[in-house]
Amino acid sequence: MGVDTYNHIDTMLKSAQQDVTDSEIRFKLRTARQLCDAMKKQYTEGQQAIERADIDEETIESLRDLGYLD
């Protein structure tokens, strides 16, 4: 899962939020968008930490194969 995935989820939630008139559902959608944003930030920071770490190429490839790196 990459940043694009989080952005796509946020776009869908935003669209649904704009289409809904029920205040409770709008609140839940807004909260879901906030959680999605927090997860995107955590993901991005994790990717940056891995990039800065002194990790050999074999381990990096293994992390990519397992889906931890883009």
PDB file of N, CA and C in Angstrom:
ATOM      1  N   MET A   1       0.861  -1.173   0.000  1.00  0.00           N
ATOM      2  CA  MET A   1       0.000   0.000   0.000  1.00  0.00           C
ATOM      3  C   MET A   1       0.896   1.221   0.000  1.00  0.00           C
ATOM      4  N   GLY A   2       0.602   2.144  -0.858  1.00  0.00           N
ATOM      5  CA  GLY A   2       1.407   3.352  -0.944  1.00  0.00           C
ATOM      6  C   GLY A   2       0.587   4.587  -0.653  1.00  0.00           C
ATOM      7  N   VAL A   3       1.237   5.718  -0.752  1.00  0.00           N
ATOM      8  CA  VAL A   3       0.590   7.006  -0.501  1.00  0.00           C
ATOM      9  C   VAL A   3      -0.597   7.195  -1.439  1.00  0.00           C
ATOM     10  N   ASP A   4      -0.461   6.736  -2.687  1.00  0.00           N
ATOM     11  CA  ASP A   4      -1.561   6.867  -3.649  1.00  0.00           C
ATOM     12  C   ASP A   4      -2.828   6.170  -3.153  1.00  0.00           C
ATOM     13  N   THR A   5      -2.654   5.044  -2.494  1.00  0.00           N
ATOM     14  CA  THR A   5      -3.809   4.313  -1.967  1.00  0.00           C
ATOM     15  C   THR A   5      -4.520   5.137  -0.904  1.00  0.00           C
ATOM     16  N   TYR A   6      -3.752   5.716   0.010  1.00  0.00           N
ATOM     17  CA  TYR A   6      -4.352   6.557   1.047  1.00  0.00           C
ATOM     18  C   TYR A   6      -5.063   7.766   0.427  1.00  0.00           C
ATOM     19  N   ASN A   7      -4.451   8.353  -0.582  1.00  0.00           N
ATOM     20  CA  ASN A   7      -5.079   9.495  -1.254  1.00  0.00           C
ATOM     21  C   ASN A   7      -6.377   9.082  -1.942  1.00  0.00           C
ATOM     22  N   HIS A   8      -6.390   7.910  -2.540  1.00  0.00           N
ATOM     23  CA  HIS A   8      -7.598   7.420  -3.213  1.00  0.00           C
ATOM     24  C   HIS A   8      -8.720   7.171  -2.193  1.00  0.00           C
ATOM     25  N   ILE A   9      -8.375   6.556  -1.076  1.00  0.00           N
ATOM     26  CA  ILE A   9      -9.366   6.321  -0.016  1.00  0.00           C
ATOM     27  C   ILE A   9      -9.933   7.645   0.471  1.00  0.00           C
ATOM     28  N   ASP A  10      -9.058   8.633   0.706  1.00  0.00           N
ATOM     29  CA  ASP A  10      -9.515   9.937   1.177  1.00  0.00           C
ATOM     30  C   ASP A  10     -10.444  10.591   0.165  1.00  0.00           C
ATOM     31  N   THR A  11     -10.124  10.473  -1.116  1.00  0.00           N
ATOM     32  CA  THR A  11     -10.972  11.050  -2.166  1.00  0.00           C
ATOM     33  C   THR A  11     -12.366  10.419  -2.142  1.00  0.00           C
ATOM     34  N   MET A  12     -12.417   9.110  -1.990  1.00  0.00           N
ATOM     35  CA  MET A  12     -13.718   8.435  -1.941  1.00  0.00           C
ATOM     36  C   MET A  12     -14.510   8.847  -0.698  1.00  0.00           C
ATOM     37  N   LEU A  13     -13.829   8.916   0.454  1.00  0.00           N
ATOM     38  CA  LEU A  13     -14.512   9.326   1.680  1.00  0.00           C
ATOM     39  C   LEU A  13     -15.007  10.766   1.588  1.00  0.00           C
ATOM     40  N   LYS A  14     -14.191  11.630   0.999  1.00  0.00           N
ATOM     41  CA  LYS A  14     -14.578  13.032   0.838  1.00  0.00           C
ATOM     42  C   LYS A  14     -15.813  13.153  -0.043  1.00  0.00           C
ATOM     43  N   SER A  15     -15.833  12.392  -1.117  1.00  0.00           N
ATOM     44  CA  SER A  15     -16.980  12.413  -2.022  1.00  0.00           C
ATOM     45  C   SER A  15     -18.245  11.946  -1.308  1.00  0.00           C
ATOM     46  N   ALA A  16     -18.115  10.875  -0.545  1.00  0.00           N
ATOM     47  CA  ALA A  16     -19.267  10.374   0.205  1.00  0.00           C
ATOM     48  C   ALA A  16     -19.710  11.395   1.252  1.00  0.00           C
ATOM     49  N   GLN A  17     -18.746  12.024   1.908  1.00  0.00           N
ATOM     50  CA  GLN A  17     -19.053  13.026   2.930  1.00  0.00           C
ATOM     51  C   GLN A  17     -19.839  14.191   2.333  1.00  0.00           C
ATOM     52  N   GLN A  18     -19.493  14.598   1.122  1.00  0.00           N
ATOM     53  CA  GLN A  18     -20.177  15.716   0.480  1.00  0.00           C
ATOM     54  C   GLN A  18     -21.592  15.340   0.044  1.00  0.00           C
ATOM     55  N   ASP A  19     -21.821  14.059  -0.227  1.00  0.00           N
ATOM     56  CA  ASP A  19     -23.126  13.611  -0.710  1.00  0.00           C
ATOM     57  C   ASP A  19     -24.121  13.320   0.410  1.00  0.00           C
ATOM     58  N   VAL A  20     -23.640  13.217   1.641  1.00  0.00           N
ATOM     59  CA  VAL A  20     -24.477  12.807   2.764  1.00  0.00           C
ATOM     60  C   VAL A  20     -24.985  14.028   3.517  1.00  0.00           C
ATOM     61  N   THR A  21     -26.240  13.970   3.943  1.00  0.00           N
ATOM     62  CA  THR A  21     -26.802  15.079   4.718  1.00  0.00           C
ATOM     63  C   THR A  21     -26.927  14.735   6.200  1.00  0.00           C
ATOM     64  N   ASP A  22     -26.915  13.461   6.551  1.00  0.00           N
ATOM     65  CA  ASP A  22     -27.033  13.032   7.945  1.00  0.00           C
ATOM     66  C   ASP A  22     -25.771  13.440   8.713  1.00  0.00           C
ATOM     67  N   SER A  23     -25.929  14.248   9.764  1.00  0.00           N
ATOM     68  CA  SER A  23     -24.773  14.799  10.482  1.00  0.00           C
ATOM     69  C   SER A  23     -23.945  13.712  11.172  1.00  0.00           C
ATOM     70  N   GLU A  24     -24.577  12.658  11.654  1.00  0.00           N
ATOM     71  CA  GLU A  24     -23.844  11.580  12.321  1.00  0.00           C
ATOM     72  C   GLU A  24     -22.958  10.830  11.317  1.00  0.00           C
ATOM     73  N   ILE A  25     -23.480  10.577  10.133  1.00  0.00           N
ATOM     74  CA  ILE A  25     -22.703   9.883   9.109  1.00  0.00           C
ATOM     75  C   ILE A  25     -21.582  10.798   8.601  1.00  0.00           C
ATOM     76  N   ARG A  26     -21.863  12.090   8.472  1.00  0.00           N
ATOM     77  CA  ARG A  26     -20.807  13.029   8.051  1.00  0.00           C
ATOM     78  C   ARG A  26     -19.669  13.049   9.077  1.00  0.00           C
ATOM     79  N   PHE A  27     -20.033  13.002  10.361  1.00  0.00           N
ATOM     80  CA  PHE A  27     -19.029  12.961  11.421  1.00  0.00           C
ATOM     81  C   PHE A  27     -18.167  11.702  11.293  1.00  0.00           C
ATOM     82  N   LYS A  28     -18.814  10.563  11.067  1.00  0.00           N
ATOM     83  CA  LYS A  28     -18.076   9.300  10.935  1.00  0.00           C
ATOM     84  C   LYS A  28     -17.155   9.328   9.717  1.00  0.00           C
ATOM     85  N   LEU A  29     -17.615   9.880   8.623  1.00  0.00           N
ATOM     86  CA  LEU A  29     -16.787   9.979   7.422  1.00  0.00           C
ATOM     87  C   LEU A  29     -15.615  10.934   7.643  1.00  0.00           C
ATOM     88  N   ARG A  30     -15.872  12.043   8.317  1.00  0.00           N
ATOM     89  CA  ARG A  30     -14.804  13.003   8.618  1.00  0.00           C
ATOM     90  C   ARG A  30     -13.760  12.345   9.529  1.00  0.00           C
ATOM     91  N   THR A  31     -14.219  11.581  10.513  1.00  0.00           N
ATOM     92  CA  THR A  31     -13.312  10.878  11.413  1.00  0.00           C
ATOM     93  C   THR A  31     -12.497   9.834  10.646  1.00  0.00           C
ATOM     94  N   ALA A  32     -13.134   9.127   9.724  1.00  0.00           N
ATOM     95  CA  ALA A  32     -12.426   8.142   8.902  1.00  0.00           C
ATOM     96  C   ALA A  32     -11.353   8.817   8.054  1.00  0.00           C
ATOM     97  N   ARG A  33     -11.661   9.996   7.533  1.00  0.00           N
ATOM     98  CA  ARG A  33     -10.668  10.740   6.739  1.00  0.00           C
ATOM     99  C   ARG A  33      -9.485  11.162   7.602  1.00  0.00           C
ATOM    100  N   GLN A  34      -9.751  11.565   8.834  1.00  0.00           N
ATOM    101  CA  GLN A  34      -8.673  11.957   9.736  1.00  0.00           C
ATOM    102  C   GLN A  34      -7.785  10.758  10.071  1.00  0.00           C
ATOM    103  N   LEU A  35      -8.407   9.610  10.294  1.00  0.00           N
ATOM    104  CA  LEU A  35      -7.634   8.400  10.570  1.00  0.00           C
ATOM    105  C   LEU A  35      -6.809   7.986   9.358  1.00  0.00           C
ATOM    106  N   CYS A  36      -7.378   8.108   8.182  1.00  0.00           N
ATOM    107  CA  CYS A  36      -6.666   7.792   6.943  1.00  0.00           C
ATOM    108  C   CYS A  36      -5.446   8.701   6.799  1.00  0.00           C
ATOM    109  N   ASP A  37      -5.609   9.976   7.103  1.00  0.00           N
ATOM    110  CA  ASP A  37      -4.504  10.924   7.021  1.00  0.00           C
ATOM    111  C   ASP A  37      -3.413  10.560   8.023  1.00  0.00           C
ATOM    112  N   ALA A  38      -3.799  10.174   9.233  1.00  0.00           N
ATOM    113  CA  ALA A  38      -2.818   9.781  10.247  1.00  0.00           C
ATOM    114  C   ALA A  38      -2.059   8.537   9.804  1.00  0.00           C
ATOM    115  N   MET A  39      -2.754   7.593   9.207  1.00  0.00           N
ATOM    116  CA  MET A  39      -2.108   6.370   8.722  1.00  0.00           C
ATOM    117  C   MET A  39      -1.154   6.683   7.574  1.00  0.00           C
ATOM    118  N   LYS A  40      -1.544   7.607   6.696  1.00  0.00           N
ATOM    119  CA  LYS A  40      -0.678   7.998   5.584  1.00  0.00           C
ATOM    120  C   LYS A  40       0.609   8.629   6.109  1.00  0.00           C
ATOM    121  N   LYS A  41       0.489   9.491   7.122  1.00  0.00           N
ATOM    122  CA  LYS A  41       1.668  10.125   7.707  1.00  0.00           C
ATOM    123  C   LYS A  41       2.579   9.089   8.353  1.00  0.00           C
ATOM    124  N   GLN A  42       1.979   8.144   9.073  1.00  0.00           N
ATOM    125  CA  GLN A  42       2.762   7.089   9.716  1.00  0.00           C
ATOM    126  C   GLN A  42       3.480   6.238   8.667  1.00  0.00           C
ATOM    127  N   TYR A  43       2.782   5.911   7.602  1.00  0.00           N
ATOM    128  CA  TYR A  43       3.369   5.127   6.518  1.00  0.00           C
ATOM    129  C   TYR A  43       4.548   5.885   5.895  1.00  0.00           C
ATOM    130  N   THR A  44       4.338   7.158   5.600  1.00  0.00           N
ATOM    131  CA  THR A  44       5.379   7.976   4.974  1.00  0.00           C
ATOM    132  C   THR A  44       6.603   8.088   5.872  1.00  0.00           C
ATOM    133  N   GLU A  45       6.385   8.312   7.153  1.00  0.00           N
ATOM    134  CA  GLU A  45       7.499   8.415   8.093  1.00  0.00           C
ATOM    135  C   GLU A  45       8.250   7.096   8.195  1.00  0.00           C
ATOM    136  N   GLY A  46       7.527   5.993   8.164  1.00  0.00           N
ATOM    137  CA  GLY A  46       8.167   4.676   8.190  1.00  0.00           C
ATOM    138  C   GLY A  46       9.021   4.438   6.959  1.00  0.00           C
ATOM    139  N   GLN A  47       8.489   4.815   5.805  1.00  0.00           N
ATOM    140  CA  GLN A  47       9.255   4.672   4.557  1.00  0.00           C
ATOM    141  C   GLN A  47      10.527   5.511   4.606  1.00  0.00           C
ATOM    142  N   GLN A  48      10.410   6.730   5.129  1.00  0.00           N
ATOM    143  CA  GLN A  48      11.577   7.608   5.217  1.00  0.00           C
ATOM    144  C   GLN A  48      12.614   7.053   6.188  1.00  0.00           C
ATOM    145  N   ALA A  49      12.153   6.484   7.296  1.00  0.00           N
ATOM    146  CA  ALA A  49      13.077   5.906   8.279  1.00  0.00           C
ATOM    147  C   ALA A  49      13.832   4.730   7.675  1.00  0.00           C
ATOM    148  N   ILE A  50      13.142   3.921   6.900  1.00  0.00           N
ATOM    149  CA  ILE A  50      13.798   2.779   6.259  1.00  0.00           C
ATOM    150  C   ILE A  50      14.818   3.261   5.238  1.00  0.00           C
ATOM    151  N   GLU A  51      14.456   4.311   4.493  1.00  0.00           N
ATOM    152  CA  GLU A  51      15.385   4.857   3.499  1.00  0.00           C
ATOM    153  C   GLU A  51      16.648   5.415   4.139  1.00  0.00           C
ATOM    154  N   ARG A  52      16.513   5.987   5.325  1.00  0.00           N
ATOM    155  CA  ARG A  52      17.673   6.564   6.018  1.00  0.00           C
ATOM    156  C   ARG A  52      18.520   5.508   6.718  1.00  0.00           C
ATOM    157  N   ALA A  53      17.933   4.362   7.004  1.00  0.00           N
ATOM    158  CA  ALA A  53      18.637   3.316   7.746  1.00  0.00           C
ATOM    159  C   ALA A  53      19.724   2.685   6.875  1.00  0.00           C
ATOM    160  N   ASP A  54      20.734   2.196   7.530  1.00  0.00           N
ATOM    161  CA  ASP A  54      21.838   1.530   6.828  1.00  0.00           C
ATOM    162  C   ASP A  54      21.471   0.049   6.678  1.00  0.00           C
ATOM    163  N   ILE A  55      20.739  -0.247   5.607  1.00  0.00           N
ATOM    164  CA  ILE A  55      20.248  -1.609   5.369  1.00  0.00           C
ATOM    165  C   ILE A  55      20.841  -2.110   4.058  1.00  0.00           C
ATOM    166  N   ASP A  56      21.325  -3.343   4.080  1.00  0.00           N
ATOM    167  CA  ASP A  56      21.932  -3.893   2.867  1.00  0.00           C
ATOM    168  C   ASP A  56      20.861  -4.148   1.805  1.00  0.00           C
ATOM    169  N   GLU A  57      21.291  -4.222   0.560  1.00  0.00           N
ATOM    170  CA  GLU A  57      20.378  -4.358  -0.584  1.00  0.00           C
ATOM    171  C   GLU A  57      19.524  -5.624  -0.514  1.00  0.00           C
ATOM    172  N   GLU A  58      20.101  -6.712  -0.032  1.00  0.00           N
ATOM    173  CA  GLU A  58      19.346  -7.972   0.059  1.00  0.00           C
ATOM    174  C   GLU A  58      18.153  -7.825   1.005  1.00  0.00           C
ATOM    175  N   THR A  59      18.370  -7.171   2.125  1.00  0.00           N
ATOM    176  CA  THR A  59      17.285  -6.945   3.082  1.00  0.00           C
ATOM    177  C   THR A  59      16.242  -6.006   2.506  1.00  0.00           C
ATOM    178  N   ILE A  60      16.687  -4.983   1.799  1.00  0.00           N
ATOM    179  CA  ILE A  60      15.756  -4.046   1.164  1.00  0.00           C
ATOM    180  C   ILE A  60      14.881  -4.774   0.150  1.00  0.00           C
ATOM    181  N   GLU A  61      15.483  -5.648  -0.649  1.00  0.00           N
ATOM    182  CA  GLU A  61      14.704  -6.424  -1.622  1.00  0.00           C
ATOM    183  C   GLU A  61      13.719  -7.346  -0.925  1.00  0.00           C
ATOM    184  N   SER A  62      14.138  -7.942   0.177  1.00  0.00           N
ATOM    185  CA  SER A  62      13.228  -8.801   0.947  1.00  0.00           C
ATOM    186  C   SER A  62      12.046  -7.998   1.478  1.00  0.00           C
ATOM    187  N   LEU A  63      12.319  -6.791   1.973  1.00  0.00           N
ATOM    188  CA  LEU A  63      11.243  -5.923   2.464  1.00  0.00           C
ATOM    189  C   LEU A  63      10.299  -5.537   1.330  1.00  0.00           C
ATOM    190  N   ARG A  64      10.834  -5.299   0.143  1.00  0.00           N
ATOM    191  CA  ARG A  64       9.990  -4.995  -1.019  1.00  0.00           C
ATOM    192  C   ARG A  64       9.120  -6.201  -1.385  1.00  0.00           C
ATOM    193  N   ASP A  65       9.735  -7.371  -1.405  1.00  0.00           N
ATOM    194  CA  ASP A  65       9.000  -8.595  -1.740  1.00  0.00           C
ATOM    195  C   ASP A  65       7.856  -8.851  -0.760  1.00  0.00           C
ATOM    196  N   LEU A  66       8.073  -8.485   0.492  1.00  0.00           N
ATOM    197  CA  LEU A  66       7.051  -8.686   1.521  1.00  0.00           C
ATOM    198  C   LEU A  66       6.007  -7.563   1.541  1.00  0.00           C
ATOM    199  N   GLY A  67       6.238  -6.513   0.742  1.00  0.00           N
ATOM    200  CA  GLY A  67       5.277  -5.425   0.664  1.00  0.00           C
ATOM    201  C   GLY A  67       5.490  -4.297   1.651  1.00  0.00           C
ATOM    202  N   TYR A  68       6.612  -4.307   2.354  1.00  0.00           N
ATOM    203  CA  TYR A  68       6.888  -3.250   3.320  1.00  0.00           C
ATOM    204  C   TYR A  68       7.454  -1.996   2.676  1.00  0.00           C
ATOM    205  N   LEU A  69       8.018  -2.141   1.485  1.00  0.00           N
ATOM    206  CA  LEU A  69       8.577  -0.997   0.755  1.00  0.00           C
ATOM    207  C   LEU A  69       7.946  -0.923  -0.615  1.00  0.00           C
ATOM    208  N   ASP A  70       7.884   0.291  -1.137  1.00  0.00           N
ATOM    209  CA  ASP A  70       7.374   0.483  -2.495  1.00  0.00           C
ATOM    210  C   ASP A  70       8.470   0.272  -3.492  1.00  0.00           C
TER     211      ASP A  70
END
